[in-house]
N, C-alpha and C. Protein backbone atom coordinates (compact mmCIF):
# COMPACT_ATOMS: atom_id res chain seq x y z
N UNK A 1 -24.51 35.45 24.33
CA UNK A 1 -23.11 35.11 24.43
C UNK A 1 -22.38 35.82 23.29
N UNK A 2 -21.22 36.39 23.61
CA UNK A 2 -20.41 37.04 22.58
C UNK A 2 -19.17 36.20 22.33
N UNK A 3 -18.70 36.26 21.12
CA UNK A 3 -17.51 35.52 20.71
C UNK A 3 -16.40 36.51 20.41
N UNK A 4 -15.17 36.12 20.70
CA UNK A 4 -14.05 37.04 20.39
C UNK A 4 -13.95 37.26 18.88
N UNK A 5 -13.50 38.44 18.55
CA UNK A 5 -13.30 38.77 17.14
C UNK A 5 -12.08 38.00 16.63
N UNK A 6 -12.15 37.48 15.41
CA UNK A 6 -10.99 36.76 14.88
C UNK A 6 -9.83 37.70 14.67
N UNK A 7 -8.64 37.16 14.87
CA UNK A 7 -7.42 37.94 14.67
C UNK A 7 -6.99 37.87 13.22
N UNK A 8 -5.79 38.33 12.94
CA UNK A 8 -5.28 38.26 11.57
C UNK A 8 -5.22 36.82 11.09
N UNK A 9 -5.50 36.63 9.86
CA UNK A 9 -5.47 35.29 9.27
C UNK A 9 -4.06 34.94 8.86
N UNK A 10 -3.65 33.68 9.06
CA UNK A 10 -2.31 33.28 8.61
C UNK A 10 -2.22 33.29 7.09
N UNK A 11 -1.04 33.43 6.62
CA UNK A 11 -0.82 33.42 5.18
C UNK A 11 0.08 34.56 4.77
N UNK A 12 0.24 34.73 3.48
CA UNK A 12 1.14 35.79 3.00
C UNK A 12 0.60 37.16 3.37
N UNK A 13 1.48 38.12 3.53
CA UNK A 13 1.05 39.47 3.86
C UNK A 13 0.25 40.08 2.71
N UNK A 14 -0.58 41.07 3.02
CA UNK A 14 -1.29 41.74 1.93
C UNK A 14 -0.30 42.26 0.90
N UNK A 15 -0.63 42.10 -0.34
CA UNK A 15 0.26 42.54 -1.40
C UNK A 15 1.15 41.43 -1.93
N UNK A 16 1.08 40.25 -1.34
CA UNK A 16 1.83 39.11 -1.86
C UNK A 16 3.09 38.82 -1.07
N UNK A 17 3.80 37.84 -1.53
CA UNK A 17 5.02 37.39 -0.88
C UNK A 17 6.20 38.28 -1.26
N UNK A 18 7.18 38.40 -0.37
CA UNK A 18 8.37 39.16 -0.72
C UNK A 18 9.17 38.43 -1.79
N UNK A 19 9.96 39.16 -2.56
CA UNK A 19 10.77 38.49 -3.58
C UNK A 19 11.86 37.64 -2.95
N UNK A 20 12.27 36.61 -3.66
CA UNK A 20 13.38 35.78 -3.21
C UNK A 20 14.66 36.51 -3.55
N UNK A 21 15.55 36.63 -2.57
CA UNK A 21 16.80 37.35 -2.79
C UNK A 21 17.97 36.43 -2.50
N UNK A 22 19.14 36.81 -3.01
CA UNK A 22 20.32 35.99 -2.76
C UNK A 22 20.83 36.22 -1.35
N UNK A 23 20.86 37.44 -0.91
CA UNK A 23 21.26 37.80 0.45
C UNK A 23 20.79 39.22 0.69
N UNK A 24 20.74 39.65 1.94
CA UNK A 24 20.31 41.03 2.19
C UNK A 24 21.19 42.01 1.42
N UNK A 25 20.56 42.92 0.73
CA UNK A 25 21.29 43.90 -0.06
C UNK A 25 21.76 43.35 -1.40
N UNK A 26 21.50 42.06 -1.67
CA UNK A 26 21.88 41.46 -2.93
C UNK A 26 23.37 41.21 -3.08
N UNK A 27 24.13 41.35 -1.99
CA UNK A 27 25.57 41.15 -2.06
C UNK A 27 25.95 39.88 -1.32
N UNK A 28 26.97 39.21 -1.80
CA UNK A 28 27.47 38.02 -1.13
C UNK A 28 28.49 38.42 -0.07
N UNK A 29 28.62 37.58 0.95
CA UNK A 29 29.58 37.85 2.02
C UNK A 29 30.99 37.40 1.64
N UNK A 30 31.07 36.51 0.66
CA UNK A 30 32.36 35.96 0.29
C UNK A 30 32.63 34.63 0.96
N UNK A 31 31.76 34.22 1.85
CA UNK A 31 31.89 32.92 2.52
C UNK A 31 30.73 32.06 2.04
N UNK A 32 31.00 31.00 1.28
CA UNK A 32 29.93 30.21 0.67
C UNK A 32 28.90 29.67 1.65
N UNK A 33 29.32 29.22 2.83
CA UNK A 33 28.36 28.66 3.79
C UNK A 33 27.43 29.75 4.33
N UNK A 34 27.99 30.91 4.62
CA UNK A 34 27.17 32.03 5.12
C UNK A 34 26.23 32.51 4.04
N UNK A 35 26.71 32.61 2.80
CA UNK A 35 25.85 33.03 1.69
C UNK A 35 24.68 32.06 1.50
N UNK A 36 24.95 30.77 1.63
CA UNK A 36 23.89 29.77 1.50
C UNK A 36 22.85 29.92 2.61
N UNK A 37 23.32 30.19 3.83
CA UNK A 37 22.39 30.40 4.94
C UNK A 37 21.52 31.63 4.69
N UNK A 38 22.12 32.70 4.22
CA UNK A 38 21.34 33.92 3.95
C UNK A 38 20.28 33.68 2.88
N UNK A 39 20.64 32.91 1.86
CA UNK A 39 19.65 32.59 0.82
C UNK A 39 18.54 31.73 1.39
N UNK A 40 18.89 30.76 2.23
CA UNK A 40 17.86 29.89 2.79
C UNK A 40 16.92 30.67 3.70
N UNK A 41 17.45 31.63 4.45
CA UNK A 41 16.60 32.43 5.32
C UNK A 41 15.69 33.35 4.51
N UNK A 42 16.21 33.91 3.43
CA UNK A 42 15.37 34.74 2.57
C UNK A 42 14.25 33.91 1.95
N UNK A 43 14.57 32.70 1.54
CA UNK A 43 13.56 31.83 0.94
C UNK A 43 12.59 31.29 1.99
N UNK A 44 13.01 31.20 3.24
CA UNK A 44 12.13 30.70 4.30
C UNK A 44 10.94 31.62 4.51
N UNK A 45 11.09 32.88 4.16
CA UNK A 45 9.98 33.82 4.31
C UNK A 45 8.78 33.41 3.48
N UNK A 46 9.00 32.59 2.47
CA UNK A 46 7.91 32.15 1.60
C UNK A 46 7.20 30.90 2.15
N UNK A 47 7.73 30.33 3.22
CA UNK A 47 7.17 29.10 3.79
C UNK A 47 6.15 29.43 4.87
N UNK A 48 5.34 28.44 5.19
CA UNK A 48 4.41 28.56 6.31
C UNK A 48 5.23 28.65 7.59
N UNK A 49 4.73 29.35 8.60
CA UNK A 49 5.50 29.51 9.84
C UNK A 49 6.00 28.19 10.43
N UNK A 50 5.20 27.15 10.41
CA UNK A 50 5.63 25.87 10.97
C UNK A 50 6.82 25.30 10.20
N UNK A 51 6.89 25.55 8.91
CA UNK A 51 8.00 25.06 8.10
C UNK A 51 9.25 25.92 8.24
N UNK A 52 9.07 27.16 8.67
CA UNK A 52 10.21 28.06 8.85
C UNK A 52 11.12 27.61 9.98
N UNK A 53 10.54 26.95 10.99
CA UNK A 53 11.32 26.55 12.15
C UNK A 53 12.50 25.67 11.76
N UNK A 54 12.26 24.70 10.90
CA UNK A 54 13.35 23.81 10.47
C UNK A 54 14.42 24.60 9.73
N UNK A 55 14.04 25.57 8.93
CA UNK A 55 15.02 26.39 8.21
C UNK A 55 15.86 27.21 9.18
N UNK A 56 15.21 27.79 10.19
CA UNK A 56 15.95 28.58 11.18
C UNK A 56 16.90 27.70 11.98
N UNK A 57 16.46 26.50 12.36
CA UNK A 57 17.33 25.59 13.11
C UNK A 57 18.53 25.15 12.27
N UNK A 58 18.30 24.86 11.00
CA UNK A 58 19.40 24.46 10.12
C UNK A 58 20.37 25.61 9.93
N UNK A 59 19.85 26.82 9.75
CA UNK A 59 20.71 27.99 9.59
C UNK A 59 21.55 28.21 10.85
N UNK A 60 20.93 28.08 11.99
CA UNK A 60 21.64 28.25 13.26
C UNK A 60 22.78 27.25 13.39
N UNK A 61 22.51 26.01 13.03
CA UNK A 61 23.52 24.96 13.11
C UNK A 61 24.71 25.26 12.20
N UNK A 62 24.43 25.64 10.96
CA UNK A 62 25.50 25.95 10.00
C UNK A 62 26.33 27.13 10.49
N UNK A 63 25.66 28.16 10.99
CA UNK A 63 26.40 29.33 11.47
C UNK A 63 27.24 28.99 12.70
N UNK A 64 26.72 28.16 13.60
CA UNK A 64 27.52 27.73 14.75
C UNK A 64 28.76 26.98 14.30
N UNK A 65 28.60 26.05 13.36
CA UNK A 65 29.73 25.28 12.87
C UNK A 65 30.73 26.17 12.15
N UNK A 66 30.24 27.14 11.40
CA UNK A 66 31.12 28.05 10.69
C UNK A 66 31.94 28.89 11.66
N UNK A 67 31.27 29.42 12.68
CA UNK A 67 31.98 30.23 13.67
C UNK A 67 32.98 29.39 14.47
N UNK A 68 32.61 28.18 14.80
CA UNK A 68 33.51 27.29 15.53
C UNK A 68 34.76 26.98 14.69
N UNK A 69 34.58 26.89 13.39
CA UNK A 69 35.70 26.61 12.51
C UNK A 69 36.69 27.74 12.37
N UNK A 70 36.29 28.94 12.73
CA UNK A 70 37.18 30.09 12.63
C UNK A 70 38.35 29.95 13.60
N UNK A 71 38.09 29.40 14.77
CA UNK A 71 39.13 29.26 15.80
C UNK A 71 40.10 28.13 15.51
N UNK A 72 39.78 27.30 14.56
CA UNK A 72 40.66 26.14 14.30
C UNK A 72 41.84 26.50 13.45
């Protein structure tokens, strides 16, 4: 009987975790809520995949509320 070869192991990528950044490119958007979302998404890269889901859902919610507020 043969067994399948194991796939990639979960965990940080080879070479370690990416650095924590304030936002892509290191620049702020000028909108505090959007800047906070960008920081949370950058920091989510350091979490286990199962924990990232909550961060992505929270970011999505904040961005939806922010965009909805533009029309008001």
